[in-house]
């Protein structure tokens, strides 16, 4: 099933994954996410709910910007709000009536 999704996403995804398979970027990113999640849980357990929300906002924005970058084929700034990032997925391609994002389940979650 994973291979089917990669084939549907196109050769660029597969090529970029193969090109990055020898570096440690994925491991470093994973360590940062674990640290952020641990901090999130620490804040939540200690009653720092606004800080918890800020951490979640940051993590979600980062992942949305990454997905947008994949969809657009270029790097996207994380400076936009979550609402603007979500709206960008629902915008239509020039001269088309369908949104840039094609994953229907993802569209249902963000719309």
N, C-alpha and C. Protein backbone atom coordinates (compact mmCIF):
# COMPACT_ATOMS: atom_id res chain seq x y z
N UNK A 1 0.82 -1.19 0.00
CA UNK A 1 0.00 0.00 0.00
C UNK A 1 0.87 1.26 0.00
N UNK A 2 1.95 1.26 0.78
CA UNK A 2 2.84 2.42 0.81
C UNK A 2 3.45 2.64 -0.56
N UNK A 3 3.85 1.56 -1.23
CA UNK A 3 4.43 1.70 -2.57
C UNK A 3 3.43 2.28 -3.55
N UNK A 4 2.14 1.90 -3.42
CA UNK A 4 1.11 2.46 -4.29
C UNK A 4 1.00 3.97 -4.09
N UNK A 5 1.06 4.42 -2.83
CA UNK A 5 0.97 5.86 -2.56
C UNK A 5 2.16 6.59 -3.13
N UNK A 6 3.34 6.00 -3.03
CA UNK A 6 4.53 6.63 -3.57
C UNK A 6 4.46 6.72 -5.09
N UNK A 7 3.93 5.66 -5.72
CA UNK A 7 3.81 5.70 -7.17
C UNK A 7 2.81 6.76 -7.60
N UNK A 8 1.70 6.89 -6.85
CA UNK A 8 0.71 7.90 -7.17
C UNK A 8 1.28 9.31 -6.99
N UNK A 9 2.13 9.48 -6.00
CA UNK A 9 2.71 10.80 -5.74
C UNK A 9 3.68 11.20 -6.83
N UNK A 10 4.19 10.23 -7.56
CA UNK A 10 5.08 10.54 -8.67
C UNK A 10 6.52 10.20 -8.36
N UNK A 11 7.32 10.26 -9.40
CA UNK A 11 8.72 9.90 -9.28
C UNK A 11 9.52 10.87 -8.43
N UNK A 12 9.12 12.14 -8.37
CA UNK A 12 9.87 13.11 -7.58
C UNK A 12 9.95 12.71 -6.12
N UNK A 13 8.85 12.21 -5.57
CA UNK A 13 8.85 11.80 -4.17
C UNK A 13 9.80 10.64 -3.97
N UNK A 14 9.70 9.65 -4.81
CA UNK A 14 10.55 8.48 -4.69
C UNK A 14 12.01 8.85 -4.85
N UNK A 15 12.30 9.70 -5.83
CA UNK A 15 13.68 10.14 -6.04
C UNK A 15 14.21 10.91 -4.84
N UNK A 16 13.41 11.82 -4.29
CA UNK A 16 13.90 12.61 -3.16
C UNK A 16 14.10 11.74 -1.94
N UNK A 17 13.26 10.73 -1.76
CA UNK A 17 13.44 9.82 -0.63
C UNK A 17 14.71 8.99 -0.84
N UNK A 18 14.96 8.56 -2.06
CA UNK A 18 16.16 7.78 -2.32
C UNK A 18 17.41 8.65 -2.14
N UNK A 19 17.36 9.90 -2.58
CA UNK A 19 18.50 10.80 -2.43
C UNK A 19 18.81 11.10 -0.98
N UNK A 20 17.79 11.16 -0.15
CA UNK A 20 18.01 11.51 1.25
C UNK A 20 18.20 10.28 2.14
N UNK A 21 18.15 9.10 1.58
CA UNK A 21 18.22 7.90 2.40
C UNK A 21 19.56 7.74 3.09
N UNK A 22 20.63 8.35 2.57
CA UNK A 22 21.95 8.21 3.18
C UNK A 22 22.27 9.26 4.22
N UNK A 23 21.43 10.29 4.38
CA UNK A 23 21.76 11.33 5.36
C UNK A 23 21.02 11.10 6.66
N UNK A 24 21.31 11.91 7.64
CA UNK A 24 20.72 11.73 8.98
C UNK A 24 19.63 12.76 9.26
N UNK A 25 19.15 13.45 8.24
CA UNK A 25 18.13 14.47 8.42
C UNK A 25 16.88 13.90 9.08
N UNK A 26 16.43 12.75 8.64
CA UNK A 26 15.23 12.13 9.22
C UNK A 26 15.39 11.84 10.70
N UNK A 27 16.55 11.35 11.08
CA UNK A 27 16.82 11.05 12.49
C UNK A 27 16.83 12.32 13.31
N UNK A 28 17.48 13.35 12.80
CA UNK A 28 17.53 14.63 13.52
C UNK A 28 16.13 15.22 13.68
N UNK A 29 15.34 15.13 12.60
CA UNK A 29 13.97 15.66 12.65
C UNK A 29 13.16 14.88 13.68
N UNK A 30 13.30 13.57 13.68
CA UNK A 30 12.58 12.73 14.63
C UNK A 30 12.94 13.11 16.07
N UNK A 31 14.22 13.30 16.34
CA UNK A 31 14.67 13.67 17.69
C UNK A 31 14.06 15.02 18.10
N UNK A 32 14.00 15.98 17.16
CA UNK A 32 13.39 17.28 17.46
C UNK A 32 11.90 17.14 17.76
N UNK A 33 11.19 16.29 17.00
CA UNK A 33 9.76 16.10 17.24
C UNK A 33 9.51 15.42 18.58
N UNK A 34 10.35 14.45 18.92
CA UNK A 34 10.21 13.79 20.22
C UNK A 34 10.43 14.79 21.34
N UNK A 35 11.45 15.64 21.20
CA UNK A 35 11.73 16.65 22.22
C UNK A 35 10.56 17.63 22.33
N UNK A 36 10.00 18.05 21.20
CA UNK A 36 8.87 18.98 21.22
C UNK A 36 7.65 18.31 21.87
N UNK A 37 7.42 17.06 21.53
CA UNK A 37 6.29 16.35 22.12
C UNK A 37 6.47 16.19 23.63
N UNK A 38 7.68 15.86 24.06
CA UNK A 38 7.95 15.74 25.49
C UNK A 38 7.70 17.06 26.22
N UNK A 39 8.14 18.15 25.59
CA UNK A 39 7.92 19.48 26.17
C UNK A 39 6.43 19.80 26.22
N UNK A 40 5.72 19.44 25.16
CA UNK A 40 4.28 19.63 25.10
C UNK A 40 3.60 18.91 26.26
N UNK A 41 3.95 17.66 26.49
CA UNK A 41 3.34 16.89 27.57
C UNK A 41 3.72 17.46 28.94
N UNK A 42 4.96 17.90 29.07
CA UNK A 42 5.40 18.50 30.33
C UNK A 42 4.59 19.77 30.62
N UNK A 43 4.41 20.60 29.61
CA UNK A 43 3.63 21.83 29.77
C UNK A 43 2.18 21.51 30.13
N UNK A 44 1.60 20.57 29.42
CA UNK A 44 0.21 20.19 29.67
C UNK A 44 0.05 19.67 31.09
N UNK A 45 0.94 18.78 31.52
CA UNK A 45 0.85 18.19 32.85
C UNK A 45 1.07 19.21 33.97
N UNK A 46 1.79 20.30 33.67
CA UNK A 46 2.04 21.33 34.67
C UNK A 46 1.07 22.50 34.58
N UNK A 47 0.09 22.39 33.69
CA UNK A 47 -0.93 23.42 33.59
C UNK A 47 -0.58 24.60 32.71
N UNK A 48 0.48 24.49 31.93
CA UNK A 48 0.86 25.58 31.01
C UNK A 48 0.18 25.34 29.65
N UNK A 49 -1.11 25.54 29.63
CA UNK A 49 -1.90 25.18 28.47
C UNK A 49 -1.64 26.07 27.26
N UNK A 50 -1.40 27.35 27.47
CA UNK A 50 -1.11 28.23 26.33
C UNK A 50 0.21 27.85 25.67
N UNK A 51 1.21 27.49 26.47
CA UNK A 51 2.47 27.05 25.89
C UNK A 51 2.26 25.73 25.13
N UNK A 52 1.41 24.86 25.64
CA UNK A 52 1.09 23.61 24.95
C UNK A 52 0.48 23.90 23.58
N UNK A 53 -0.44 24.85 23.57
CA UNK A 53 -1.10 25.23 22.31
C UNK A 53 -0.08 25.80 21.33
N UNK A 54 0.83 26.63 21.82
CA UNK A 54 1.85 27.22 20.94
C UNK A 54 2.75 26.14 20.33
N UNK A 55 3.10 25.15 21.13
CA UNK A 55 3.94 24.06 20.62
C UNK A 55 3.18 23.27 19.57
N UNK A 56 1.92 22.96 19.84
CA UNK A 56 1.10 22.24 18.85
C UNK A 56 0.96 23.04 17.56
N UNK A 57 0.72 24.34 17.70
CA UNK A 57 0.61 25.21 16.53
C UNK A 57 1.88 25.15 15.69
N UNK A 58 3.01 25.18 16.35
CA UNK A 58 4.29 25.13 15.66
C UNK A 58 4.49 23.80 14.93
N UNK A 59 4.18 22.71 15.61
CA UNK A 59 4.35 21.38 15.00
C UNK A 59 3.41 21.19 13.80
N UNK A 60 2.16 21.59 13.97
CA UNK A 60 1.19 21.44 12.89
C UNK A 60 1.54 22.34 11.72
N UNK A 61 1.95 23.57 11.99
CA UNK A 61 2.34 24.49 10.92
C UNK A 61 3.53 23.94 10.14
N UNK A 62 4.48 23.38 10.84
CA UNK A 62 5.65 22.80 10.19
C UNK A 62 5.26 21.68 9.24
N UNK A 63 4.39 20.80 9.69
CA UNK A 63 3.97 19.66 8.86
C UNK A 63 3.12 20.13 7.69
N UNK A 64 2.24 21.11 7.91
CA UNK A 64 1.43 21.63 6.81
C UNK A 64 2.30 22.32 5.76
N UNK A 65 3.28 23.10 6.22
CA UNK A 65 4.19 23.76 5.28
C UNK A 65 4.98 22.74 4.49
N UNK A 66 5.37 21.67 5.13
CA UNK A 66 6.09 20.60 4.43
C UNK A 66 5.20 19.97 3.36
N UNK A 67 3.95 19.70 3.69
CA UNK A 67 3.02 19.12 2.71
C UNK A 67 2.77 20.10 1.58
N UNK A 68 2.60 21.37 1.90
CA UNK A 68 2.40 22.38 0.86
C UNK A 68 3.61 22.43 -0.07
N UNK A 69 4.78 22.35 0.52
CA UNK A 69 6.00 22.33 -0.29
C UNK A 69 6.02 21.17 -1.25
N UNK A 70 5.55 20.02 -0.79
CA UNK A 70 5.46 18.85 -1.67
C UNK A 70 4.46 19.09 -2.80
N UNK A 71 3.28 19.61 -2.44
CA UNK A 71 2.23 19.84 -3.43
C UNK A 71 2.67 20.88 -4.46
N UNK A 72 3.30 21.98 -4.01
CA UNK A 72 3.74 23.04 -4.91
C UNK A 72 5.08 22.73 -5.57
N UNK A 73 5.84 21.81 -5.00
CA UNK A 73 7.15 21.48 -5.54
C UNK A 73 8.20 22.52 -5.21
N UNK A 74 7.99 23.27 -4.12
CA UNK A 74 8.97 24.26 -3.69
C UNK A 74 8.86 24.46 -2.18
N UNK A 75 9.86 25.09 -1.59
CA UNK A 75 9.86 25.31 -0.14
C UNK A 75 8.84 26.39 0.22
N UNK A 76 8.11 26.16 1.30
CA UNK A 76 7.06 27.07 1.76
C UNK A 76 7.45 27.61 3.13
N UNK A 77 7.20 28.90 3.35
CA UNK A 77 7.49 29.52 4.64
C UNK A 77 6.48 29.07 5.69
N UNK A 78 6.93 28.90 6.91
CA UNK A 78 6.05 28.49 8.00
C UNK A 78 5.49 29.72 8.72
N UNK A 79 5.71 30.89 8.21
CA UNK A 79 5.26 32.13 8.88
C UNK A 79 3.76 32.33 8.81
N UNK A 80 3.10 31.69 7.88
CA UNK A 80 1.65 31.86 7.76
C UNK A 80 0.94 31.18 8.93
N UNK A 81 -0.27 31.65 9.21
CA UNK A 81 -1.08 31.05 10.26
C UNK A 81 -1.60 29.69 9.78
N UNK A 82 -2.08 28.90 10.71
CA UNK A 82 -2.65 27.60 10.34
C UNK A 82 -3.80 27.76 9.36
N UNK A 83 -4.62 28.77 9.58
CA UNK A 83 -5.75 29.01 8.68
C UNK A 83 -5.30 29.29 7.25
N UNK A 84 -4.26 30.11 7.11
CA UNK A 84 -3.76 30.43 5.77
C UNK A 84 -3.13 29.20 5.12
N UNK A 85 -2.42 28.41 5.91
CA UNK A 85 -1.82 27.19 5.36
C UNK A 85 -2.91 26.22 4.90
N UNK A 86 -3.95 26.05 5.71
CA UNK A 86 -5.05 25.16 5.32
C UNK A 86 -5.76 25.68 4.09
N UNK A 87 -5.98 26.99 4.03
CA UNK A 87 -6.65 27.58 2.86
C UNK A 87 -5.84 27.38 1.59
N UNK A 88 -4.53 27.41 1.70
CA UNK A 88 -3.68 27.21 0.52
C UNK A 88 -3.89 25.83 -0.09
N UNK A 89 -4.21 24.84 0.73
CA UNK A 89 -4.48 23.51 0.20
C UNK A 89 -5.77 23.47 -0.59
N UNK A 90 -6.71 24.31 -0.21
CA UNK A 90 -8.02 24.28 -0.84
C UNK A 90 -8.13 25.20 -2.04
N UNK A 91 -7.12 26.05 -2.25
CA UNK A 91 -7.10 26.92 -3.44
C UNK A 91 -7.04 26.04 -4.69
N UNK A 92 -7.56 26.59 -5.77
CA UNK A 92 -7.57 25.82 -7.01
C UNK A 92 -6.37 26.14 -7.87
N UNK A 93 -6.02 25.18 -8.70
CA UNK A 93 -4.94 25.38 -9.66
C UNK A 93 -5.40 26.41 -10.70
N UNK A 94 -4.46 27.15 -11.27
CA UNK A 94 -4.85 28.07 -12.34
C UNK A 94 -5.54 27.30 -13.47
N UNK A 95 -6.65 27.81 -13.94
CA UNK A 95 -7.42 27.22 -15.04
C UNK A 95 -8.01 25.85 -14.70
N UNK A 96 -8.13 25.51 -13.43
CA UNK A 96 -8.74 24.26 -13.00
C UNK A 96 -9.75 24.57 -11.90
N UNK A 97 -10.69 23.66 -11.71
CA UNK A 97 -11.67 23.88 -10.65
C UNK A 97 -11.40 23.03 -9.41
N UNK A 98 -10.37 22.18 -9.46
CA UNK A 98 -10.09 21.32 -8.31
C UNK A 98 -8.99 21.91 -7.45
N UNK A 99 -9.00 21.60 -6.14
CA UNK A 99 -7.96 22.13 -5.26
C UNK A 99 -6.59 21.53 -5.58
N UNK A 100 -5.55 22.21 -5.11
CA UNK A 100 -4.19 21.71 -5.32
C UNK A 100 -3.97 20.39 -4.60
N UNK A 101 -4.52 20.26 -3.41
CA UNK A 101 -4.41 19.01 -2.66
C UNK A 101 -5.37 17.99 -3.27
N UNK A 102 -4.91 16.78 -3.46
CA UNK A 102 -5.75 15.75 -4.09
C UNK A 102 -6.17 14.65 -3.12
N UNK A 103 -5.61 14.62 -1.94
CA UNK A 103 -5.96 13.61 -0.95
C UNK A 103 -7.29 14.00 -0.30
N UNK A 104 -8.35 13.28 -0.65
CA UNK A 104 -9.70 13.65 -0.20
C UNK A 104 -9.85 13.58 1.32
N UNK A 105 -9.20 12.61 1.95
CA UNK A 105 -9.29 12.48 3.41
C UNK A 105 -8.64 13.68 4.09
N UNK A 106 -7.52 14.12 3.54
CA UNK A 106 -6.82 15.28 4.09
C UNK A 106 -7.65 16.55 3.90
N UNK A 107 -8.26 16.70 2.73
CA UNK A 107 -9.13 17.85 2.46
C UNK A 107 -10.28 17.89 3.46
N UNK A 108 -10.86 16.73 3.75
CA UNK A 108 -11.98 16.67 4.69
C UNK A 108 -11.56 17.13 6.08
N UNK A 109 -10.35 16.84 6.49
CA UNK A 109 -9.88 17.22 7.81
C UNK A 109 -9.62 18.71 7.91
N UNK A 110 -9.03 19.31 6.86
CA UNK A 110 -8.63 20.72 6.95
C UNK A 110 -9.71 21.70 6.50
N UNK A 111 -10.76 21.21 5.88
CA UNK A 111 -11.79 22.15 5.40
C UNK A 111 -12.89 22.35 6.40
